[in-house]
Each structure stands twice: as C-alpha cells, then as structure tokens.
Amino acid sequence: MESIKSIFRIGHGPSSSHTMGPKIAAEQFKSKTPNAALYKVSLYGSLAATGKGHFTDQAITDSLFPVTVDFAWFPDIVLPFHTNGMKFEAFDAENHLIKDWLVYSVGGGKIADENSYMTEKHIYEHNTLGEILPLVERQGKTYWEYVQEREESDIWDYLNEVWKTMQQSVQDGLDNDGVLPGELNLRRKAASYWVKAKSYKVSLQNRCLIMSYALAVSEQNASGAKVVTAPTCGSAGVLPAILYHLKNYHEFSDKNILQALATAGLFGNVIKVNASISGAEVGCQGEVGSACAMAAAASSQAFGASPQQIEYAAEMGLEHHLGLTCDPVCGLVQIPCIERNSFAALRALDANMASMLSDGKHIISFDKVVETMRLTGKDLPSLYKETSLGGLAKIGKPGGDMC
C-alpha cells in the first residue's frame, strides 16, 4: 500500500475525481508543454457525464491558462482502464501536435496512466486487516504505531497540516450562509443547524452539532473551497465532523486526534487497495461508506478501543453503506451528497458505540465487507455510478425538470 498521504489530499472541491484530479493532470501536462499554443481536452465516461456540474472544465481551463482550451465530451465512451478518462493534446502555433497524454482520475484526487499505475511507491508490506490485526495484537501495538513505523518521518507534520485544514473548513462552513453555486439554488444549512443545536439537551445537542460540522465541510466543498479528501471530496465532511467533536466536546488533545487520523488513513488505504474509493467506479459506498468506516475507526481509537474493536467499528461503518449509489442531482456535489455526509458521521459514532459495547468479536470481517463492496460496485449499473443518469439524479431539480 502507498502512504496514507494519498488518502488525505488538501485541495479545492467540489470533487476529488472530477475537479482535483483533472486540475493536477492539467498542471502536469502544462509543465511538459510550455510552448503550446492550443490545448484540446477530451473527457470520457463519468468524467464527461458529470464534468460540467463538478466544474471539471473550469478546473482544467484555469490550470492551462492563458492558453485556449477546446473541450470534447464523450459520456458514452468508457475507457477500459477507468471510467474517468481524459486525453490531453497540445498543439503549436501551426496546429501541429506536440504531445498527447491519456490519463485517468482514479479517485481521491489521484491520477494515473498505464505506466505510472504500475510504479507506485509501496511502503506497507501488508494490504489487508487480516494481515495487520494479528500483527499489532501480537506485538501489543496500536494501528497508529503500525503506521508510524512505516511512514516517513514527516508523517505527523503532514497529518497536523491535514488536521488544521479540516478544522478551518468546519469553522469557515459554520461562518458562511447563502446559496451554493449551481442551478439547484440550494441554501446552506450548517450555520442554522449549529444555532438550533444549542437549544437541545446535551445528548441530542451533540448529535445535532456533529451534523452541523459535517454540513459545514460539505457545503464548503460544494462551493469549491479548500477541503481534505477523506477519502474523497464528496465524502470530506464525515471524518472532520467526528474529529472536531472529539476535540471540542471530549477535549482530546491534538496528539490524540493525529493518532486517530493515522488510524483512519490506514483503514481508508485498505479499502482503496482492495476495492475502490471512486464513486464513478463503485458508487457512493466507496466514498461516504469508506468515510464512515474511517471515522468509526478514528473515534474508536480515540476512545481507547482494542484493535479488534476498532476493526469491528470500521466494518459496521462500511457494511451499513453497502449498495449506496452515486446519483448527484444535476451533477452537483450537493443533493444527496451534503446531507449524506452528516448522516454518515452520526452512523460512525453509532458504530463506535456498538463496537465498544462488544468484546470486538464478530462474524463478518472488515476485509470481507471491503470485498463485498468491490463486487457490489462491479455489479451496479453504470447509471448509478456518478453519471447523473439514474436514481435521484434522474428526477432532476425540484419540479421534476431534468437538469
């Protein structure tokens, strides 16, 4: 497995695969073609189907500025390597092709082509919890210690920057109101939820506040603000909401939070390697489901759960999102994405509670649920995987009109 840094990428929303990935690809291509007078960009599959709603063209155009960019959209052509394919072509002043590049945005802000995909730097010798759990139990260690032993020395500095960005995105989201960009004219809710939460008794107040935190980050993401993929932009609100709650209500130290982050990153890594975190590939179970599993693992780590209890919490977080489709209305990361983050955050704490009440023993392992998620995603029709052609997206905006 790669570094957990690949799970936590800092960038701008609204989509890690449709905005952040294409932006990175465009920047890399521009650096290789400094003399280009014209760029042509062809978008394929899911990247073309929902690219405009996800601001894909805007992200690429901004990255290739000031050179003119011509776009071609091919939503019905799905390339074999990954559904989020894009081809960059650079031309000189005489319209001669200088260079072309076929690259894919494979989820979580990561890009890959047929060559780079095979040359990833792997720093973990294990790929499954079935390998990792017995090891940490035998050595009397925790998951974050397992991570620390394999990552580079700057991992805590990196996670500290991730944590700072997460907190800022919560705070900025709570300070903002108004209408989100796009034709849905969806009004922000985080600030009002935060205010209303104060009127409830403590037990219910905490759940309402967690919802407001998740909404805050997701609304920031939908507006194109800076967020952290956890593991994607579309699911960026779940983990920060839980960590912000742990910090502000339970008064966990930043050191505790970073250890929880490391634990969450490990579980996200296992999902990415053995299944997928790409909504275009496996549906929203790979985004919000993975985020819920990560948040469940993080909270369990913070509350002192055993390695087996942490694995159980993550298993429940993912298991109860199996089959979740990716069907964004109008191709915007708003409906049902924003509310879905808030409910997944609450479910993560529920999974933590259930695992802490148990001895950690259970029948279905985390690895088995990850494999089930992969197979379920493979079986899902493409219209339920970020194409905005099925499910809620088919209904369109209020009134029944198609977007």
Protein backbone atom coordinates (compact mmCIF):
# COMPACT_ATOMS: atom_id res chain seq x y z
CA MET A 1 0.00 0.00 0.00
CA GLU A 2 1.01 3.60 -0.57
CA SER A 3 1.45 6.24 2.11
CA ILE A 4 -1.72 7.36 3.88
CA LYS A 5 -0.87 10.80 2.50
CA SER A 6 -2.63 9.61 -0.67
CA ILE A 7 -5.86 9.29 1.34
CA PHE A 8 -5.62 12.79 2.79
CA ARG A 9 -5.04 15.31 -0.02
CA ILE A 10 -5.53 19.02 0.54
CA GLY A 11 -7.19 20.83 -2.35
CA HIS A 12 -10.30 22.53 -3.65
CA GLY A 13 -13.72 20.92 -4.17
CA PRO A 14 -16.23 20.00 -5.23
CA SER A 15 -14.89 16.63 -6.40
CA SER A 16 -11.59 14.89 -5.86
CA SER A 17 -12.02 12.79 -9.00
CA HIS A 18 -13.74 15.37 -11.22
CA THR A 19 -12.06 18.59 -10.05
CA MET A 20 -8.91 17.93 -8.06
CA GLY A 21 -7.60 15.07 -10.24
CA PRO A 22 -8.15 16.84 -13.59
CA LYS A 23 -6.56 20.01 -12.19
CA ILE A 24 -3.45 18.08 -11.17
CA ALA A 25 -3.30 16.35 -14.55
CA ALA A 26 -3.65 19.66 -16.41
CA GLU A 27 -0.89 21.25 -14.36
CA GLN A 28 1.45 18.34 -15.07
CA PHE A 29 0.67 18.40 -18.79
CA LYS A 30 1.22 22.15 -18.97
CA SER A 31 4.66 21.80 -17.39
CA LYS A 32 5.61 19.32 -20.13
CA THR A 33 4.28 21.50 -22.97
CA PRO A 34 5.45 25.07 -22.27
CA ASN A 35 5.31 26.06 -25.96
CA ALA A 36 1.71 25.00 -26.59
CA ALA A 37 -0.49 27.47 -28.47
CA LEU A 38 -3.69 25.41 -28.12
CA TYR A 39 -4.90 22.57 -25.93
CA LYS A 40 -7.59 20.04 -26.76
CA VAL A 41 -9.04 18.00 -23.91
CA SER A 42 -11.31 15.01 -24.42
CA LEU A 43 -13.29 13.79 -21.41
CA TYR A 44 -14.71 10.25 -21.26
CA GLY A 45 -17.23 8.23 -19.27
CA SER A 46 -18.31 9.54 -15.90
CA LEU A 47 -15.86 12.42 -16.14
CA ALA A 48 -17.77 13.66 -19.19
CA ALA A 49 -21.24 12.80 -17.84
CA THR A 50 -21.00 14.98 -14.73
CA GLY A 51 -17.95 17.09 -15.52
CA LYS A 52 -19.79 20.37 -16.00
CA GLY A 53 -21.65 20.05 -12.71
CA HIS A 54 -18.37 19.18 -11.00
CA PHE A 55 -16.54 22.14 -12.62
CA THR A 56 -14.12 19.82 -14.45
CA ASP A 57 -13.77 22.12 -17.45
CA GLN A 58 -13.27 25.15 -15.21
CA ALA A 59 -10.52 23.42 -13.20
CA ILE A 60 -8.68 22.38 -16.37
CA THR A 61 -9.10 25.76 -18.07
CA ASP A 62 -7.78 27.58 -15.00
CA SER A 63 -4.76 25.25 -14.86
CA LEU A 64 -3.91 25.68 -18.55
CA PHE A 65 -4.47 29.45 -18.60
CA PRO A 66 -3.71 31.59 -20.58
CA VAL A 67 -3.64 29.08 -23.46
CA THR A 68 -7.02 28.40 -25.13
CA VAL A 69 -8.63 25.03 -24.35
CA ASP A 70 -11.11 23.22 -26.60
CA PHE A 71 -13.19 20.50 -24.92
CA ALA A 72 -14.79 17.37 -26.34
CA TRP A 73 -17.25 15.41 -24.19
CA PHE A 74 -17.75 11.64 -24.64
CA PRO A 75 -20.00 10.38 -21.80
CA ASP A 76 -20.92 7.20 -23.71
CA ILE A 77 -17.32 6.11 -24.19
CA VAL A 78 -15.90 4.30 -21.17
CA LEU A 79 -12.22 3.51 -21.49
CA PRO A 80 -11.09 0.12 -20.11
CA PHE A 81 -8.57 1.40 -17.54
CA HIS A 82 -11.03 3.58 -15.58
CA THR A 83 -14.30 5.38 -16.26
CA ASN A 84 -12.75 8.80 -15.51
CA GLY A 85 -10.57 9.08 -18.60
CA MET A 86 -9.18 12.27 -20.14
CA LYS A 87 -6.92 12.89 -23.11
CA PHE A 88 -4.77 16.00 -23.29
CA GLU A 89 -3.40 17.21 -26.63
CA ALA A 90 -1.03 20.16 -27.10
CA PHE A 91 -0.61 21.93 -30.44
CA ASP A 92 1.87 24.54 -31.63
CA ALA A 93 1.05 27.78 -33.47
CA GLU A 94 0.88 25.87 -36.79
CA ASN A 95 -1.62 23.42 -35.29
CA HIS A 96 0.88 20.57 -35.23
CA LEU A 97 0.51 18.06 -32.42
CA ILE A 98 3.31 18.49 -29.88
CA LYS A 99 2.31 15.93 -27.30
CA ASP A 100 -0.67 13.93 -26.12
CA TRP A 101 -1.40 12.13 -22.86
CA LEU A 102 -4.16 9.71 -21.88
CA VAL A 103 -4.61 9.85 -18.13
CA TYR A 104 -7.23 8.87 -15.59
CA SER A 105 -8.59 10.39 -12.40
CA VAL A 106 -8.96 7.29 -10.25
CA GLY A 107 -10.46 8.77 -7.08
CA GLY A 108 -9.36 10.76 -4.07
CA GLY A 109 -7.52 13.31 -6.22
CA LYS A 110 -5.13 10.71 -7.59
CA ILE A 111 -4.26 10.47 -11.28
CA ALA A 112 -2.70 7.51 -13.09
CA ASP A 113 -1.91 6.23 -16.54
CA GLU A 114 -1.00 2.74 -17.70
CA ASN A 115 2.66 3.37 -16.84
CA SER A 116 2.52 5.26 -13.55
CA TYR A 117 -0.09 2.92 -12.09
CA MET A 118 2.43 0.09 -12.06
CA THR A 119 5.22 2.15 -10.48
CA GLU A 120 3.53 3.32 -7.28
CA LYS A 121 5.75 3.52 -4.21
CA HIS A 122 4.50 0.97 -1.72
CA ILE A 123 5.64 1.43 1.87
CA TYR A 124 3.31 -1.07 3.55
CA GLU A 125 4.07 -4.77 3.20
CA HIS A 126 0.52 -5.71 4.18
CA ASN A 127 -2.67 -4.98 2.25
CA THR A 128 -5.45 -6.34 4.46
CA LEU A 129 -6.66 -6.04 8.03
CA GLY A 130 -6.46 -9.82 8.17
CA GLU A 131 -2.69 -9.38 8.00
CA ILE A 132 -2.37 -6.24 10.10
CA LEU A 133 -4.71 -7.04 13.01
CA PRO A 134 -2.92 -10.22 14.22
CA LEU A 135 0.41 -8.42 13.91
CA VAL A 136 -0.50 -5.43 16.08
CA GLU A 137 -2.21 -7.68 18.63
CA ARG A 138 0.79 -9.99 18.82
CA GLN A 139 3.16 -7.05 19.29
CA GLY A 140 0.85 -5.24 21.72
CA LYS A 141 0.73 -2.18 19.47
CA THR A 142 -1.92 0.09 18.01
CA TYR A 143 -2.79 0.82 14.40
CA TRP A 144 -1.25 4.29 14.57
CA GLU A 145 2.02 2.80 15.81
CA TYR A 146 1.94 0.40 12.87
CA VAL A 147 1.51 3.42 10.58
CA GLN A 148 4.26 5.39 12.30
CA GLU A 149 6.79 2.59 11.84
CA ARG A 150 6.26 2.52 8.07
CA GLU A 151 5.70 6.13 7.09
CA GLU A 152 8.42 8.72 6.56
CA SER A 153 9.45 10.90 9.49
CA ASP A 154 7.32 13.83 8.31
CA ILE A 155 4.02 11.95 8.61
CA TRP A 156 2.98 13.73 11.82
CA ASP A 157 3.74 17.13 10.35
CA TYR A 158 1.67 16.21 7.31
CA LEU A 159 -1.25 14.96 9.40
CA ASN A 160 -1.03 18.09 11.53
CA GLU A 161 -1.50 20.21 8.39
CA VAL A 162 -4.41 17.97 7.40
CA TRP A 163 -5.99 18.47 10.82
CA LYS A 164 -5.55 22.25 10.66
CA THR A 165 -7.21 22.32 7.24
CA MET A 166 -10.08 20.16 8.46
CA GLN A 167 -10.73 22.45 11.43
CA GLN A 168 -10.61 25.52 9.22
CA SER A 169 -13.11 24.01 6.79
CA VAL A 170 -15.52 23.32 9.65
CA GLN A 171 -15.16 26.84 11.03
CA ASP A 172 -15.44 28.52 7.64
CA GLY A 173 -18.51 26.46 6.81
CA LEU A 174 -20.21 27.43 10.06
CA ASP A 175 -19.44 31.10 9.39
CA ASN A 176 -20.97 31.04 5.91
CA ASP A 177 -24.55 31.15 4.74
CA GLY A 178 -26.27 31.96 1.46
CA VAL A 179 -26.86 29.86 -1.63
CA LEU A 180 -24.45 27.32 -3.07
CA PRO A 181 -23.34 27.67 -6.72
CA GLY A 182 -25.33 25.79 -9.35
CA GLU A 183 -28.86 25.62 -10.70
CA LEU A 184 -30.32 23.89 -7.63
CA ASN A 185 -30.17 27.17 -5.65
CA LEU A 186 -29.51 25.10 -2.55
CA ARG A 187 -29.19 27.14 0.62
CA ARG A 188 -26.50 26.39 3.19
CA LYS A 189 -27.79 24.79 6.41
CA ALA A 190 -24.72 24.32 8.64
CA ALA A 191 -24.91 27.65 10.46
CA SER A 192 -28.61 27.33 11.27
CA TYR A 193 -28.17 23.72 12.43
CA TRP A 194 -25.36 24.86 14.74
CA VAL A 195 -27.53 27.60 16.25
CA LYS A 196 -30.60 25.37 16.67
CA ALA A 197 -28.48 22.62 18.27
CA LYS A 198 -27.84 24.86 21.27
CA SER A 199 -31.50 24.62 22.34
CA TYR A 200 -31.43 20.84 22.82
CA LYS A 201 -30.36 18.81 25.82
CA VAL A 202 -26.71 17.71 25.78
CA SER A 203 -27.24 14.17 24.46
CA LEU A 204 -29.21 15.34 21.43
CA GLN A 205 -27.27 18.59 21.15
CA ASN A 206 -24.05 16.69 20.41
CA ARG A 207 -25.61 14.78 17.53
CA CYS A 208 -27.04 17.99 16.08
CA LEU A 209 -23.67 19.73 16.37
CA ILE A 210 -21.95 16.82 14.60
CA MET A 211 -24.46 17.17 11.78
CA SER A 212 -23.68 20.89 11.54
CA TYR A 213 -19.94 20.19 11.36
CA ALA A 214 -20.39 17.67 8.55
CA LEU A 215 -22.71 20.00 6.68
CA ALA A 216 -20.23 22.86 7.11
CA VAL A 217 -17.38 20.98 5.43
CA SER A 218 -19.59 19.50 2.71
CA GLU A 219 -21.03 22.91 1.89
CA GLN A 220 -17.52 24.36 1.71
CA ASN A 221 -16.62 21.56 -0.67
CA ALA A 222 -19.69 22.21 -2.82
CA SER A 223 -18.65 25.85 -3.14
CA GLY A 224 -15.16 24.92 -4.36
CA ALA A 225 -13.38 25.87 -1.12
CA LYS A 226 -10.32 24.14 0.35
CA VAL A 227 -11.01 20.77 1.97
CA VAL A 228 -9.23 17.50 2.69
CA THR A 229 -10.11 14.33 0.83
CA ALA A 230 -11.16 11.82 3.48
CA PRO A 231 -11.02 9.77 1.38
CA THR A 232 -12.69 11.95 -1.33
CA CYS A 233 -14.06 15.48 -1.66
CA GLY A 234 -17.60 14.15 -1.92
CA SER A 235 -17.19 12.50 1.50
CA ALA A 236 -14.95 15.18 3.01
CA GLY A 237 -17.38 16.14 5.78
CA VAL A 238 -17.63 12.86 7.69
CA LEU A 239 -14.24 12.46 9.35
CA PRO A 240 -13.66 16.16 10.18
CA ALA A 241 -17.07 16.30 11.87
CA ILE A 242 -16.16 13.44 14.19
CA LEU A 243 -12.65 14.72 14.92
CA TYR A 244 -13.94 18.26 15.57
CA HIS A 245 -16.47 16.83 18.01
CA LEU A 246 -13.79 14.79 19.79
CA LYS A 247 -11.60 17.85 20.11
CA ASN A 248 -14.24 20.34 21.24
CA TYR A 249 -16.60 18.26 23.38
CA HIS A 250 -14.43 15.40 24.66
CA GLU A 251 -11.33 17.62 24.88
CA PHE A 252 -8.96 15.18 23.20
CA SER A 253 -5.52 16.64 22.55
CA ASP A 254 -4.21 17.32 19.06
CA LYS A 255 -1.84 14.39 19.58
CA ASN A 256 -4.83 12.10 20.18
CA ILE A 257 -6.53 13.48 17.08
CA LEU A 258 -3.47 12.86 14.90
CA GLN A 259 -3.26 9.28 16.13
CA ALA A 260 -6.94 8.85 15.24
CA LEU A 261 -6.23 10.35 11.82
CA ALA A 262 -3.43 7.87 11.22
CA THR A 263 -5.75 5.01 12.16
CA ALA A 264 -8.45 6.32 9.82
CA GLY A 265 -5.93 6.66 6.99
CA LEU A 266 -4.85 3.04 7.37
CA PHE A 267 -8.42 1.76 7.04
CA GLY A 268 -9.04 4.04 4.07
CA ASN A 269 -5.88 2.73 2.46
CA VAL A 270 -7.02 -0.88 2.82
CA ILE A 271 -10.32 -0.01 1.14
CA LYS A 272 -8.61 1.81 -1.72
CA VAL A 273 -6.20 -1.04 -2.43
CA ASN A 274 -8.71 -3.88 -2.22
CA ALA A 275 -11.82 -2.17 -3.61
CA SER A 276 -12.16 1.49 -4.57
CA ILE A 277 -12.90 4.94 -3.15
CA SER A 278 -14.14 6.23 -6.51
CA GLY A 279 -17.85 6.97 -6.79
CA ALA A 280 -17.55 6.64 -10.55
CA GLU A 281 -16.24 3.11 -10.11
CA VAL A 282 -18.25 1.63 -7.20
CA GLY A 283 -20.88 4.21 -6.27
CA CYS A 284 -21.15 6.26 -3.10
CA GLN A 285 -20.49 3.22 -0.92
CA GLY A 286 -16.86 3.75 -1.90
CA GLU A 287 -16.95 7.41 -0.85
CA VAL A 288 -19.32 8.02 2.06
CA GLY A 289 -19.21 4.34 3.10
CA SER A 290 -15.43 4.44 3.28
CA ALA A 291 -15.52 7.77 5.11
CA CYS A 292 -17.89 6.33 7.69
CA ALA A 293 -15.60 3.34 8.24
CA MET A 294 -12.62 5.67 8.64
CA ALA A 295 -14.48 7.91 11.11
CA ALA A 296 -15.69 4.89 13.09
CA ALA A 297 -12.11 3.62 13.33
CA ALA A 298 -10.82 7.07 14.30
CA SER A 299 -13.35 7.60 17.10
CA SER A 300 -12.77 4.08 18.42
CA GLN A 301 -9.04 4.71 18.50
CA ALA A 302 -9.56 7.95 20.41
CA PHE A 303 -11.83 6.27 22.98
CA GLY A 304 -9.27 3.55 23.70
CA ALA A 305 -10.83 0.62 21.89
CA SER A 306 -8.82 -2.54 21.29
CA PRO A 307 -7.52 -3.24 17.77
CA GLN A 308 -10.30 -5.80 17.32
CA GLN A 309 -12.98 -3.35 18.46
CA ILE A 310 -11.61 -0.72 16.07
CA GLU A 311 -11.74 -3.20 13.20
CA TYR A 312 -15.33 -4.08 14.17
CA ALA A 313 -16.39 -0.42 14.22
CA ALA A 314 -14.92 0.16 10.76
CA GLU A 315 -16.60 -2.99 9.49
CA MET A 316 -20.01 -1.77 10.65
CA GLY A 317 -19.41 1.69 9.21
CA LEU A 318 -18.80 0.25 5.76
CA GLU A 319 -21.22 -2.68 5.95
CA HIS A 320 -24.26 -0.48 6.50
CA HIS A 321 -23.49 1.60 3.43
CA LEU A 322 -23.21 -1.35 1.04
CA GLY A 323 -25.05 -0.73 -2.22
CA LEU A 324 -25.18 3.04 -1.79
CA THR A 325 -25.44 4.60 -5.22
CA CYS A 326 -23.81 7.76 -6.52
CA ASP A 327 -26.62 9.80 -8.10
CA PRO A 328 -25.88 13.52 -7.77
CA VAL A 329 -28.71 15.74 -8.96
CA CYS A 330 -27.56 17.95 -11.86
CA GLY A 331 -24.07 16.52 -11.45
CA LEU A 332 -23.53 18.80 -8.45
CA VAL A 333 -21.96 17.52 -5.25
CA GLN A 334 -24.96 18.76 -3.26
CA ILE A 335 -28.04 16.52 -3.36
CA PRO A 336 -27.89 13.94 -1.81
CA CYS A 337 -24.17 14.31 -1.06
CA ILE A 338 -24.21 17.04 1.60
CA GLU A 339 -26.87 15.53 3.87
CA ARG A 340 -25.39 12.07 3.29
CA ASN A 341 -22.16 13.22 4.94
CA SER A 342 -23.98 14.32 8.08
CA PHE A 343 -25.86 11.05 8.48
CA ALA A 344 -22.67 9.04 7.88
CA ALA A 345 -20.92 10.98 10.65
CA LEU A 346 -23.67 10.03 13.10
CA ARG A 347 -23.54 6.44 11.91
CA ALA A 348 -19.79 6.38 12.53
CA LEU A 349 -20.34 7.25 16.19
CA ASP A 350 -23.08 4.63 16.40
CA ALA A 351 -20.66 2.03 15.02
CA ASN A 352 -18.09 3.12 17.59
CA MET A 353 -20.62 2.75 20.40
CA ALA A 354 -21.73 -0.69 19.23
CA SER A 355 -18.16 -1.96 18.98
CA MET A 356 -17.21 -0.56 22.39
CA LEU A 357 -20.18 -2.36 23.96
CA SER A 358 -18.92 -5.62 22.48
CA ASP A 359 -15.72 -7.60 23.01
CA GLY A 360 -14.79 -6.94 19.38
CA LYS A 361 -15.60 -10.45 18.20
CA HIS A 362 -17.86 -10.71 15.15
CA ILE A 363 -18.54 -13.00 12.21
CA ILE A 364 -18.05 -10.79 9.14
CA SER A 365 -14.57 -9.28 8.94
CA PHE A 366 -13.70 -5.83 7.64
CA ASP A 367 -11.85 -7.41 4.72
CA LYS A 368 -14.93 -9.42 3.73
CA VAL A 369 -17.06 -6.26 3.70
CA VAL A 370 -14.44 -4.47 1.59
CA GLU A 371 -14.52 -7.32 -0.92
CA THR A 372 -18.33 -7.30 -0.87
CA MET A 373 -18.28 -3.57 -1.58
CA ARG A 374 -15.97 -4.14 -4.54
CA LEU A 375 -18.22 -6.83 -6.00
CA THR A 376 -21.36 -4.80 -5.33
CA GLY A 377 -19.82 -1.82 -7.11
CA LYS A 378 -18.90 -4.02 -10.04
CA ASP A 379 -22.49 -5.24 -10.28
CA LEU A 380 -24.06 -1.77 -10.03
CA PRO A 381 -25.29 -0.48 -13.40
CA SER A 382 -23.21 2.45 -14.63
CA LEU A 383 -26.15 4.88 -14.32
CA TYR A 384 -25.84 4.55 -10.53
CA LYS A 385 -22.13 5.42 -10.50
CA GLU A 386 -21.73 9.19 -10.79
CA THR A 387 -23.25 9.59 -14.24
CA SER A 388 -26.31 11.55 -13.06
CA LEU A 389 -28.48 9.27 -15.20
CA GLY A 390 -30.23 7.20 -12.52
CA GLY A 391 -31.67 7.34 -9.03
CA LEU A 392 -32.24 10.77 -7.53
CA ALA A 393 -30.35 12.38 -10.39
CA LYS A 394 -32.97 11.15 -12.86
CA ILE A 395 -35.65 13.13 -11.03
CA GLY A 396 -33.70 16.32 -11.57
CA LYS A 397 -34.24 19.56 -9.76
CA PRO A 398 -37.42 20.43 -7.81
CA GLY A 399 -40.46 20.39 -10.05
CA GLY A 400 -39.31 17.30 -11.93
CA ASP A 401 -37.44 19.13 -14.70
CA MET A 402 -34.27 17.49 -15.89
CA CYS A 403 -31.08 19.45 -15.30
